[in-house]
Structures are given as C-alpha cells and as structure tokens.
Amino acid sequence: MILNKKIENIFVVIFLLFVTTSALKCYTGFKILGGQTFGGESKECEDSSDYCYNMTANAGILINAMKAGCSTYRCFLSRDTCRSTEFQGIPVSFCCCSTDLCNSHE
C-alpha cells in the first residue's frame, strides 16, 4: 500500500514537470524604414525546437530593415550565435538565441 502511494507520487511529480514547461517567448515584428517602431510585441513559440531570431540590415538613414520572431529552420545553422556579413555593400546581421525575449534589437 505504501509502495503504491510512493509510485503514484513519483508519477504526479513527473507529470507536473512536463506540464509546467513553458514555451520560449520571443519578440516579433518587421520594419523597413528607419523611423518605424519595432520590437514591442512578443509571442510564445509554437514548436519546442524553436529559437528566437533577429535579422537587421542597415542601408543608411532611411532604410533600416529588421525582422524578429520564432523559428527552427532559420536558426538551424546559427543556434545561440550571431553572424554578420555584407550583402551588396549593406551590413547584415542575423542572431539566434534560446532564452525568453533574447532577440531584442538593442
């Protein structure tokens, strides 16, 4: 009888561990013009393998493109990493991270 109660308690604890696991929360949004606001909205990622990402491309005063959100595929090769390059003379950066709201544009 006591053994059954202990086993039942162990199953309850294991169940609660799985239930209380929360999804990753990331900033989301898109902007292309320098004066637009960005990054105030957030969402919980749908897939447990998702990472938060943030892409920026700065082409001067007027054009400052940013995109952020949740993705597994975009971050497949850049998990918890930032990569910077130039595309046609425009500096571009792409970052992926795995903690809540880690993809701030700042």
PDB file of N, CA and C in Angstrom:
ATOM      1  N   MET A   1       0.817  -1.193   0.000  1.00  0.00           N
ATOM      2  CA  MET A   1       0.000   0.000   0.000  1.00  0.00           C
ATOM      3  C   MET A   1       0.859   1.255   0.000  1.00  0.00           C
ATOM      4  N   ILE A   2       1.888   1.306   0.871  1.00  0.00           N
ATOM      5  CA  ILE A   2       2.771   2.463   0.943  1.00  0.00           C
ATOM      6  C   ILE A   2       3.590   2.577  -0.338  1.00  0.00           C
ATOM      7  N   LEU A   3       4.025   1.444  -0.888  1.00  0.00           N
ATOM      8  CA  LEU A   3       4.794   1.445  -2.122  1.00  0.00           C
ATOM      9  C   LEU A   3       3.967   2.010  -3.274  1.00  0.00           C
ATOM     10  N   ASN A   4       2.693   1.627  -3.362  1.00  0.00           N
ATOM     11  CA  ASN A   4       1.811   2.143  -4.402  1.00  0.00           C
ATOM     12  C   ASN A   4       1.657   3.656  -4.298  1.00  0.00           C
ATOM     13  N   LYS A   5       1.553   4.172  -3.097  1.00  0.00           N
ATOM     14  CA  LYS A   5       1.406   5.614  -2.884  1.00  0.00           C
ATOM     15  C   LYS A   5       2.674   6.352  -3.316  1.00  0.00           C
ATOM     16  N   LYS A   6       3.844   5.778  -3.029  1.00  0.00           N
ATOM     17  CA  LYS A   6       5.103   6.386  -3.438  1.00  0.00           C
ATOM     18  C   LYS A   6       5.228   6.420  -4.957  1.00  0.00           C
ATOM     19  N   ILE A   7       4.858   5.328  -5.600  1.00  0.00           N
ATOM     20  CA  ILE A   7       4.906   5.269  -7.060  1.00  0.00           C
ATOM     21  C   ILE A   7       3.941   6.287  -7.656  1.00  0.00           C
ATOM     22  N   GLU A   8       2.771   6.403  -7.085  1.00  0.00           N
ATOM     23  CA  GLU A   8       1.791   7.380  -7.551  1.00  0.00           C
ATOM     24  C   GLU A   8       2.347   8.797  -7.409  1.00  0.00           C
ATOM     25  N   ASN A   9       2.992   9.097  -6.302  1.00  0.00           N
ATOM     26  CA  ASN A   9       3.574  10.423  -6.092  1.00  0.00           C
ATOM     27  C   ASN A   9       4.680  10.723  -7.104  1.00  0.00           C
ATOM     28  N   ILE A  10       5.472   9.722  -7.421  1.00  0.00           N
ATOM     29  CA  ILE A  10       6.532   9.906  -8.412  1.00  0.00           C
ATOM     30  C   ILE A  10       5.932  10.246  -9.770  1.00  0.00           C
ATOM     31  N   PHE A  11       4.880   9.554 -10.172  1.00  0.00           N
ATOM     32  CA  PHE A  11       4.228   9.843 -11.441  1.00  0.00           C
ATOM     33  C   PHE A  11       3.624  11.243 -11.459  1.00  0.00           C
ATOM     34  N   VAL A  12       3.064  11.678 -10.361  1.00  0.00           N
ATOM     35  CA  VAL A  12       2.496  13.027 -10.283  1.00  0.00           C
ATOM     36  C   VAL A  12       3.592  14.072 -10.465  1.00  0.00           C
ATOM     37  N   VAL A  13       4.725  13.878  -9.817  1.00  0.00           N
ATOM     38  CA  VAL A  13       5.837  14.824  -9.938  1.00  0.00           C
ATOM     39  C   VAL A  13       6.351  14.867 -11.373  1.00  0.00           C
ATOM     40  N   ILE A  14       6.527  13.716 -11.991  1.00  0.00           N
ATOM     41  CA  ILE A  14       6.989  13.664 -13.381  1.00  0.00           C
ATOM     42  C   ILE A  14       5.984  14.352 -14.297  1.00  0.00           C
ATOM     43  N   PHE A  15       4.720  14.110 -14.107  1.00  0.00           N
ATOM     44  CA  PHE A  15       3.678  14.745 -14.906  1.00  0.00           C
ATOM     45  C   PHE A  15       3.734  16.259 -14.763  1.00  0.00           C
ATOM     46  N   LEU A  16       3.878  16.747 -13.552  1.00  0.00           N
ATOM     47  CA  LEU A  16       3.930  18.192 -13.321  1.00  0.00           C
ATOM     48  C   LEU A  16       5.161  18.824 -13.959  1.00  0.00           C
ATOM     49  N   LEU A  17       6.263  18.107 -13.995  1.00  0.00           N
ATOM     50  CA  LEU A  17       7.461  18.632 -14.648  1.00  0.00           C
ATOM     51  C   LEU A  17       7.221  18.858 -16.131  1.00  0.00           C
ATOM     52  N   PHE A  18       6.526  17.934 -16.771  1.00  0.00           N
ATOM     53  CA  PHE A  18       6.239  18.086 -18.187  1.00  0.00           C
ATOM     54  C   PHE A  18       5.197  19.161 -18.445  1.00  0.00           C
ATOM     55  N   VAL A  19       4.209  19.274 -17.607  1.00  0.00           N
ATOM     56  CA  VAL A  19       3.128  20.236 -17.810  1.00  0.00           C
ATOM     57  C   VAL A  19       3.600  21.662 -17.582  1.00  0.00           C
ATOM     58  N   THR A  20       4.473  21.888 -16.609  1.00  0.00           N
ATOM     59  CA  THR A  20       4.876  23.247 -16.274  1.00  0.00           C
ATOM     60  C   THR A  20       5.960  23.800 -17.189  1.00  0.00           C
ATOM     61  N   THR A  21       6.488  23.009 -18.099  1.00  0.00           N
ATOM     62  CA  THR A  21       7.462  23.511 -19.049  1.00  0.00           C
ATOM     63  C   THR A  21       6.766  24.496 -19.976  1.00  0.00           C
ATOM     64  N   SER A  22       7.264  25.718 -20.006  1.00  0.00           N
ATOM     65  CA  SER A  22       6.615  26.734 -20.825  1.00  0.00           C
ATOM     66  C   SER A  22       7.379  26.929 -22.125  1.00  0.00           C
ATOM     67  N   ALA A  23       6.684  27.482 -23.098  1.00  0.00           N
ATOM     68  CA  ALA A  23       7.275  27.712 -24.404  1.00  0.00           C
ATOM     69  C   ALA A  23       8.190  28.932 -24.362  1.00  0.00           C
ATOM     70  N   LEU A  24       9.122  28.963 -25.281  1.00  0.00           N
ATOM     71  CA  LEU A  24      10.027  30.088 -25.434  1.00  0.00           C
ATOM     72  C   LEU A  24       9.236  31.306 -25.890  1.00  0.00           C
ATOM     73  N   LYS A  25       9.530  32.463 -25.343  1.00  0.00           N
ATOM     74  CA  LYS A  25       8.852  33.701 -25.701  1.00  0.00           C
ATOM     75  C   LYS A  25       9.841  34.603 -26.432  1.00  0.00           C
ATOM     76  N   CYS A  26       9.431  35.107 -27.615  1.00  0.00           N
ATOM     77  CA  CYS A  26      10.316  35.918 -28.455  1.00  0.00           C
ATOM     78  C   CYS A  26       9.624  37.207 -28.884  1.00  0.00           C
ATOM     79  N   TYR A  27      10.440  38.245 -29.097  1.00  0.00           N
ATOM     80  CA  TYR A  27       9.921  39.448 -29.731  1.00  0.00           C
ATOM     81  C   TYR A  27       9.601  39.123 -31.179  1.00  0.00           C
ATOM     82  N   THR A  28       8.566  39.771 -31.720  1.00  0.00           N
ATOM     83  CA  THR A  28       8.197  39.577 -33.120  1.00  0.00           C
ATOM     84  C   THR A  28       8.035  40.934 -33.782  1.00  0.00           C
ATOM     85  N   GLY A  29       8.149  40.952 -35.084  1.00  0.00           N
ATOM     86  CA  GLY A  29       7.887  42.185 -35.805  1.00  0.00           C
ATOM     87  C   GLY A  29       8.717  42.300 -37.061  1.00  0.00           C
ATOM     88  N   PHE A  30       8.398  43.352 -37.816  1.00  0.00           N
ATOM     89  CA  PHE A  30       9.080  43.648 -39.063  1.00  0.00           C
ATOM     90  C   PHE A  30       9.030  45.145 -39.284  1.00  0.00           C
ATOM     91  N   LYS A  31      10.123  45.724 -39.720  1.00  0.00           N
ATOM     92  CA  LYS A  31      10.130  47.126 -40.129  1.00  0.00           C
ATOM     93  C   LYS A  31      11.132  47.289 -41.246  1.00  0.00           C
ATOM     94  N   ILE A  32      10.920  48.315 -42.050  1.00  0.00           N
ATOM     95  CA  ILE A  32      11.848  48.567 -43.146  1.00  0.00           C
ATOM     96  C   ILE A  32      12.355  50.000 -43.144  1.00  0.00           C
ATOM     97  N   LEU A  33      11.596  50.935 -42.608  1.00  0.00           N
ATOM     98  CA  LEU A  33      12.003  52.336 -42.595  1.00  0.00           C
ATOM     99  C   LEU A  33      12.627  52.706 -41.264  1.00  0.00           C
ATOM    100  N   GLY A  34      13.604  53.607 -41.299  1.00  0.00           N
ATOM    101  CA  GLY A  34      14.346  53.989 -40.114  1.00  0.00           C
ATOM    102  C   GLY A  34      13.503  54.543 -38.987  1.00  0.00           C
ATOM    103  N   GLY A  35      12.423  55.246 -39.260  1.00  0.00           N
ATOM    104  CA  GLY A  35      11.630  55.880 -38.211  1.00  0.00           C
ATOM    105  C   GLY A  35      10.557  55.004 -37.589  1.00  0.00           C
ATOM    106  N   GLN A  36      10.329  53.822 -38.127  1.00  0.00           N
ATOM    107  CA  GLN A  36       9.284  52.948 -37.605  1.00  0.00           C
ATOM    108  C   GLN A  36       9.698  52.341 -36.269  1.00  0.00           C
ATOM    109  N   THR A  37       8.697  52.068 -35.425  1.00  0.00           N
ATOM    110  CA  THR A  37       8.981  51.394 -34.157  1.00  0.00           C
ATOM    111  C   THR A  37       9.081  49.894 -34.401  1.00  0.00           C
ATOM    112  N   PHE A  38       9.726  49.213 -33.461  1.00  0.00           N
ATOM    113  CA  PHE A  38       9.981  47.791 -33.663  1.00  0.00           C
ATOM    114  C   PHE A  38      10.236  47.117 -32.328  1.00  0.00           C
ATOM    115  N   GLY A  39       9.708  45.913 -32.151  1.00  0.00           N
ATOM    116  CA  GLY A  39      10.102  45.073 -31.035  1.00  0.00           C
ATOM    117  C   GLY A  39       9.226  45.127 -29.810  1.00  0.00           C
ATOM    118  N   GLY A  40       8.095  45.793 -29.851  1.00  0.00           N
ATOM    119  CA  GLY A  40       7.246  45.860 -28.672  1.00  0.00           C
ATOM    120  C   GLY A  40       6.357  44.647 -28.480  1.00  0.00           C
ATOM    121  N   GLU A  41       6.116  43.898 -29.544  1.00  0.00           N
ATOM    122  CA  GLU A  41       5.228  42.740 -29.460  1.00  0.00           C
ATOM    123  C   GLU A  41       6.033  41.466 -29.247  1.00  0.00           C
ATOM    124  N   SER A  42       5.422  40.512 -28.565  1.00  0.00           N
ATOM    125  CA  SER A  42       6.084  39.226 -28.349  1.00  0.00           C
ATOM    126  C   SER A  42       5.058  38.111 -28.460  1.00  0.00           C
ATOM    127  N   LYS A  43       5.561  36.893 -28.622  1.00  0.00           N
ATOM    128  CA  LYS A  43       4.672  35.729 -28.696  1.00  0.00           C
ATOM    129  C   LYS A  43       5.395  34.513 -28.159  1.00  0.00           C
ATOM    130  N   GLU A  44       4.615  33.515 -27.763  1.00  0.00           N
ATOM    131  CA  GLU A  44       5.185  32.233 -27.360  1.00  0.00           C
ATOM    132  C   GLU A  44       5.374  31.389 -28.609  1.00  0.00           C
ATOM    133  N   CYS A  45       6.544  30.816 -28.742  1.00  0.00           N
ATOM    134  CA  CYS A  45       6.842  29.978 -29.906  1.00  0.00           C
ATOM    135  C   CYS A  45       6.003  28.704 -29.849  1.00  0.00           C
ATOM    136  N   GLU A  46       5.629  28.218 -31.027  1.00  0.00           N
ATOM    137  CA  GLU A  46       4.747  27.056 -31.109  1.00  0.00           C
ATOM    138  C   GLU A  46       5.495  25.738 -30.989  1.00  0.00           C
ATOM    139  N   ASP A  47       6.719  25.684 -31.479  1.00  0.00           N
ATOM    140  CA  ASP A  47       7.475  24.435 -31.520  1.00  0.00           C
ATOM    141  C   ASP A  47       8.546  24.439 -30.434  1.00  0.00           C
ATOM    142  N   SER A  48       8.718  23.332 -29.763  1.00  0.00           N
ATOM    143  CA  SER A  48       9.710  23.256 -28.682  1.00  0.00           C
ATOM    144  C   SER A  48      11.143  23.359 -29.203  1.00  0.00           C
ATOM    145  N   SER A  49      11.354  23.176 -30.507  1.00  0.00           N
ATOM    146  CA  SER A  49      12.699  23.303 -31.076  1.00  0.00           C
ATOM    147  C   SER A  49      12.973  24.698 -31.636  1.00  0.00           C
ATOM    148  N   ASP A  50      12.030  25.625 -31.476  1.00  0.00           N
ATOM    149  CA  ASP A  50      12.203  26.987 -31.971  1.00  0.00           C
ATOM    150  C   ASP A  50      13.259  27.756 -31.192  1.00  0.00           C
ATOM    151  N   TYR A  51      13.874  28.698 -31.874  1.00  0.00           N
ATOM    152  CA  TYR A  51      14.778  29.686 -31.296  1.00  0.00           C
ATOM    153  C   TYR A  51      14.208  31.064 -31.614  1.00  0.00           C
ATOM    154  N   CYS A  52      14.591  32.061 -30.844  1.00  0.00           N
ATOM    155  CA  CYS A  52      14.278  33.443 -31.185  1.00  0.00           C
ATOM    156  C   CYS A  52      15.321  33.902 -32.204  1.00  0.00           C
ATOM    157  N   TYR A  53      14.898  34.710 -33.186  1.00  0.00           N
ATOM    158  CA  TYR A  53      15.860  35.255 -34.138  1.00  0.00           C
ATOM    159  C   TYR A  53      15.628  36.746 -34.320  1.00  0.00           C
ATOM    160  N   ASN A  54      16.662  37.427 -34.792  1.00  0.00           N
ATOM    161  CA  ASN A  54      16.608  38.849 -35.084  1.00  0.00           C
ATOM    162  C   ASN A  54      17.534  39.100 -36.262  1.00  0.00           C
ATOM    163  N   MET A  55      16.984  39.652 -37.345  1.00  0.00           N
ATOM    164  CA  MET A  55      17.760  39.977 -38.528  1.00  0.00           C
ATOM    165  C   MET A  55      17.728  41.487 -38.713  1.00  0.00           C
ATOM    166  N   THR A  56      18.877  42.100 -38.980  1.00  0.00           N
ATOM    167  CA  THR A  56      18.926  43.534 -39.263  1.00  0.00           C
ATOM    168  C   THR A  56      19.757  43.765 -40.519  1.00  0.00           C
ATOM    169  N   ALA A  57      19.338  44.756 -41.296  1.00  0.00           N
ATOM    170  CA  ALA A  57      20.082  45.212 -42.469  1.00  0.00           C
ATOM    171  C   ALA A  57      19.973  46.729 -42.492  1.00  0.00           C
ATOM    172  N   ASN A  58      21.099  47.404 -42.357  1.00  0.00           N
ATOM    173  CA  ASN A  58      21.107  48.854 -42.251  1.00  0.00           C
ATOM    174  C   ASN A  58      21.712  49.454 -43.510  1.00  0.00           C
ATOM    175  N   ALA A  59      20.849  50.104 -44.318  1.00  0.00           N
ATOM    176  CA  ALA A  59      21.290  50.673 -45.592  1.00  0.00           C
ATOM    177  C   ALA A  59      21.245  52.195 -45.560  1.00  0.00           C
ATOM    178  N   GLY A  60      21.522  52.788 -44.426  1.00  0.00           N
ATOM    179  CA  GLY A  60      21.552  54.246 -44.348  1.00  0.00           C
ATOM    180  C   GLY A  60      20.476  54.791 -43.434  1.00  0.00           C
ATOM    181  N   ILE A  61      20.239  56.081 -43.553  1.00  0.00           N
ATOM    182  CA  ILE A  61      19.302  56.768 -42.664  1.00  0.00           C
ATOM    183  C   ILE A  61      17.863  56.313 -42.898  1.00  0.00           C
ATOM    184  N   LEU A  62      17.460  56.154 -44.150  1.00  0.00           N
ATOM    185  CA  LEU A  62      16.061  55.836 -44.442  1.00  0.00           C
ATOM    186  C   LEU A  62      15.738  54.351 -44.341  1.00  0.00           C
ATOM    187  N   ILE A  63      16.615  53.514 -44.791  1.00  0.00           N
ATOM    188  CA  ILE A  63      16.335  52.076 -44.818  1.00  0.00           C
ATOM    189  C   ILE A  63      17.063  51.386 -43.661  1.00  0.00           C
ATOM    190  N   ASN A  64      16.279  50.831 -42.754  1.00  0.00           N
ATOM    191  CA  ASN A  64      16.821  50.083 -41.618  1.00  0.00           C
ATOM    192  C   ASN A  64      15.878  48.907 -41.382  1.00  0.00           C
ATOM    193  N   ALA A  65      16.099  47.824 -42.112  1.00  0.00           N
ATOM    194  CA  ALA A  65      15.195  46.674 -42.064  1.00  0.00           C
ATOM    195  C   ALA A  65      15.507  45.801 -40.855  1.00  0.00           C
ATOM    196  N   MET A  66      14.444  45.359 -40.173  1.00  0.00           N
ATOM    197  CA  MET A  66      14.573  44.440 -39.046  1.00  0.00           C
ATOM    198  C   MET A  66      13.429  43.449 -39.088  1.00  0.00           C
ATOM    199  N   LYS A  67      13.726  42.218 -38.733  1.00  0.00           N
ATOM    200  CA  LYS A  67      12.694  41.190 -38.624  1.00  0.00           C
ATOM    201  C   LYS A  67      13.054  40.312 -37.442  1.00  0.00           C
ATOM    202  N   ALA A  68      12.043  39.959 -36.649  1.00  0.00           N
ATOM    203  CA  ALA A  68      12.273  39.127 -35.467  1.00  0.00           C
ATOM    204  C   ALA A  68      11.113  38.162 -35.293  1.00  0.00           C
ATOM    205  N   GLY A  69      11.377  37.046 -34.627  1.00  0.00           N
ATOM    206  CA  GLY A  69      10.322  36.077 -34.364  1.00  0.00           C
ATOM    207  C   GLY A  69      10.883  34.759 -33.857  1.00  0.00           C
ATOM    208  N   CYS A  70      10.096  33.701 -34.054  1.00  0.00           N
ATOM    209  CA  CYS A  70      10.463  32.336 -33.657  1.00  0.00           C
ATOM    210  C   CYS A  70      10.740  31.520 -34.915  1.00  0.00           C
ATOM    211  N   SER A  71      11.741  30.671 -34.864  1.00  0.00           N
ATOM    212  CA  SER A  71      11.994  29.789 -35.998  1.00  0.00           C
ATOM    213  C   SER A  71      12.925  28.649 -35.610  1.00  0.00           C
ATOM    214  N   THR A  72      12.649  27.488 -36.149  1.00  0.00           N
ATOM    215  CA  THR A  72      13.569  26.364 -36.035  1.00  0.00           C
ATOM    216  C   THR A  72      14.507  26.362 -37.231  1.00  0.00           C
ATOM    217  N   TYR A  73      13.952  26.552 -38.426  1.00  0.00           N
ATOM    218  CA  TYR A  73      14.711  26.406 -39.655  1.00  0.00           C
ATOM    219  C   TYR A  73      15.666  27.564 -39.892  1.00  0.00           C
ATOM    220  N   ARG A  74      15.255  28.797 -39.609  1.00  0.00           N
ATOM    221  CA  ARG A  74      16.153  29.937 -39.791  1.00  0.00           C
ATOM    222  C   ARG A  74      17.383  29.822 -38.896  1.00  0.00           C
ATOM    223  N   CYS A  75      17.224  29.192 -37.751  1.00  0.00           N
ATOM    224  CA  CYS A  75      18.315  29.102 -36.772  1.00  0.00           C
ATOM    225  C   CYS A  75      19.040  27.765 -36.801  1.00  0.00           C
ATOM    226  N   PHE A  76      18.782  26.961 -37.798  1.00  0.00           N
ATOM    227  CA  PHE A  76      19.368  25.620 -37.850  1.00  0.00           C
ATOM    228  C   PHE A  76      20.895  25.652 -37.790  1.00  0.00           C
ATOM    229  N   LEU A  77      21.516  26.613 -38.473  1.00  0.00           N
ATOM    230  CA  LEU A  77      22.978  26.695 -38.502  1.00  0.00           C
ATOM    231  C   LEU A  77      23.533  27.786 -37.591  1.00  0.00           C
ATOM    232  N   SER A  78      22.669  28.503 -36.895  1.00  0.00           N
ATOM    233  CA  SER A  78      23.125  29.644 -36.087  1.00  0.00           C
ATOM    234  C   SER A  78      22.567  29.610 -34.674  1.00  0.00           C
ATOM    235  N   ARG A  79      22.453  28.468 -34.077  1.00  0.00           N
ATOM    236  CA  ARG A  79      21.880  28.368 -32.732  1.00  0.00           C
ATOM    237  C   ARG A  79      22.747  29.106 -31.722  1.00  0.00           C
ATOM    238  N   ASP A  80      22.112  29.995 -30.954  1.00  0.00           N
ATOM    239  CA  ASP A  80      22.795  30.797 -29.936  1.00  0.00           C
ATOM    240  C   ASP A  80      24.049  31.475 -30.485  1.00  0.00           C
ATOM    241  N   THR A  81      23.896  32.042 -31.679  1.00  0.00           N
ATOM    242  CA  THR A  81      25.016  32.678 -32.370  1.00  0.00           C
ATOM    243  C   THR A  81      24.534  33.895 -33.143  1.00  0.00           C
ATOM    244  N   CYS A  82      25.418  34.856 -33.341  1.00  0.00           N
ATOM    245  CA  CYS A  82      25.176  35.974 -34.255  1.00  0.00           C
ATOM    246  C   CYS A  82      26.159  35.868 -35.412  1.00  0.00           C
ATOM    247  N   ARG A  83      25.664  36.138 -36.596  1.00  0.00           N
ATOM    248  CA  ARG A  83      26.512  36.144 -37.785  1.00  0.00           C
ATOM    249  C   ARG A  83      26.337  37.494 -38.473  1.00  0.00           C
ATOM    250  N   SER A  84      27.440  38.084 -38.883  1.00  0.00           N
ATOM    251  CA  SER A  84      27.411  39.370 -39.582  1.00  0.00           C
ATOM    252  C   SER A  84      28.127  39.225 -40.912  1.00  0.00           C
ATOM    253  N   THR A  85      27.587  39.910 -41.927  1.00  0.00           N
ATOM    254  CA  THR A  85      28.190  39.891 -43.253  1.00  0.00           C
ATOM    255  C   THR A  85      27.765  41.158 -43.981  1.00  0.00           C
ATOM    256  N   GLU A  86      28.180  41.290 -45.225  1.00  0.00           N
ATOM    257  CA  GLU A  86      27.718  42.369 -46.083  1.00  0.00           C
ATOM    258  C   GLU A  86      27.071  41.760 -47.307  1.00  0.00           C
ATOM    259  N   PHE A  87      25.956  42.353 -47.710  1.00  0.00           N
ATOM    260  CA  PHE A  87      25.257  41.929 -48.918  1.00  0.00           C
ATOM    261  C   PHE A  87      25.126  43.157 -49.802  1.00  0.00           C
ATOM    262  N   GLN A  88      25.813  43.167 -50.930  1.00  0.00           N
ATOM    263  CA  GLN A  88      25.849  44.298 -51.849  1.00  0.00           C
ATOM    264  C   GLN A  88      26.194  45.594 -51.109  1.00  0.00           C
ATOM    265  N   GLY A  89      27.184  45.524 -50.230  1.00  0.00           N
ATOM    266  CA  GLY A  89      27.649  46.692 -49.500  1.00  0.00           C
ATOM    267  C   GLY A  89      26.812  47.083 -48.297  1.00  0.00           C
ATOM    268  N   ILE A  90      25.769  46.317 -47.990  1.00  0.00           N
ATOM    269  CA  ILE A  90      24.879  46.623 -46.860  1.00  0.00           C
ATOM    270  C   ILE A  90      25.210  45.675 -45.711  1.00  0.00           C
ATOM    271  N   PRO A  91      25.532  46.218 -44.520  1.00  0.00           N
ATOM    272  CA  PRO A  91      25.794  45.335 -43.379  1.00  0.00           C
ATOM    273  C   PRO A  91      24.528  44.609 -42.928  1.00  0.00           C
ATOM    274  N   VAL A  92      24.644  43.306 -42.780  1.00  0.00           N
ATOM    275  CA  VAL A  92      23.517  42.463 -42.382  1.00  0.00           C
ATOM    276  C   VAL A  92      23.958  41.618 -41.190  1.00  0.00           C
ATOM    277  N   SER A  93      23.085  41.510 -40.183  1.00  0.00           N
ATOM    278  CA  SER A  93      23.384  40.612 -39.064  1.00  0.00           C
ATOM    279  C   SER A  93      22.185  39.714 -38.807  1.00  0.00           C
ATOM    280  N   PHE A  94      22.471  38.514 -38.351  1.00  0.00           N
ATOM    281  CA  PHE A  94      21.437  37.533 -38.052  1.00  0.00           C
ATOM    282  C   PHE A  94      21.819  36.837 -36.759  1.00  0.00           C
ATOM    283  N   CYS A  95      20.929  36.897 -35.767  1.00  0.00           N
ATOM    284  CA  CYS A  95      21.201  36.298 -34.457  1.00  0.00           C
ATOM    285  C   CYS A  95      20.086  35.335 -34.074  1.00  0.00           C
ATOM    286  N   CYS A  96      20.463  34.241 -33.436  1.00  0.00           N
ATOM    287  CA  CYS A  96      19.511  33.291 -32.865  1.00  0.00           C
ATOM    288  C   CYS A  96      19.876  33.059 -31.405  1.00  0.00           C
ATOM    289  N   CYS A  97      18.857  32.905 -30.569  1.00  0.00           N
ATOM    290  CA  CYS A  97      19.103  32.708 -29.139  1.00  0.00           C
ATOM    291  C   CYS A  97      17.972  31.865 -28.547  1.00  0.00           C
ATOM    292  N   SER A  98      18.193  31.366 -27.338  1.00  0.00           N
ATOM    293  CA  SER A  98      17.265  30.368 -26.798  1.00  0.00           C
ATOM    294  C   SER A  98      16.736  30.694 -25.402  1.00  0.00           C
ATOM    295  N   THR A  99      16.712  31.971 -25.033  1.00  0.00           N
ATOM    296  CA  THR A  99      16.105  32.361 -23.760  1.00  0.00           C
ATOM    297  C   THR A  99      14.990  33.361 -24.026  1.00  0.00           C
ATOM    298  N   ASP A 100      14.061  33.473 -23.110  1.00  0.00           N
ATOM    299  CA  ASP A 100      12.909  34.353 -23.300  1.00  0.00           C
ATOM    300  C   ASP A 100      13.332  35.781 -23.630  1.00  0.00           C
ATOM    301  N   LEU A 101      12.727  36.317 -24.696  1.00  0.00           N
ATOM    302  CA  LEU A 101      12.891  37.707 -25.126  1.00  0.00           C
ATOM    303  C   LEU A 101      14.353  38.093 -25.332  1.00  0.00           C
ATOM    304  N   CYS A 102      15.150  37.153 -25.798  1.00  0.00           N
ATOM    305  CA  CYS A 102      16.579  37.401 -26.011  1.00  0.00           C
ATOM    306  C   CYS A 102      16.863  38.082 -27.342  1.00  0.00           C
ATOM    307  N   ASN A 103      15.860  38.199 -28.234  1.00  0.00           N
ATOM    308  CA  ASN A 103      16.093  38.730 -29.568  1.00  0.00           C
ATOM    309  C   ASN A 103      15.723  40.200 -29.697  1.00  0.00           C
ATOM    310  N   SER A 104      15.982  40.958 -28.658  1.00  0.00           N
ATOM    311  CA  SER A 104      15.770  42.400 -28.700  1.00  0.00           C
ATOM    312  C   SER A 104      16.674  42.999 -29.767  1.00  0.00           C
ATOM    313  N   HIS A 105      16.229  44.067 -30.381  1.00  0.00           N
ATOM    314  CA  HIS A 105      17.018  44.705 -31.439  1.00  0.00           C
ATOM    315  C   HIS A 105      18.115  45.596 -30.886  1.00  0.00           C
ATOM    316  N   GLU A 106      18.251  45.683 -29.593  1.00  0.00           N
ATOM    317  CA  GLU A 106      19.263  46.561 -28.999  1.00  0.00           C
ATOM    318  C   GLU A 106      20.462  45.781 -28.560  1.00  0.00           C
TER     319      GLU A 106
END
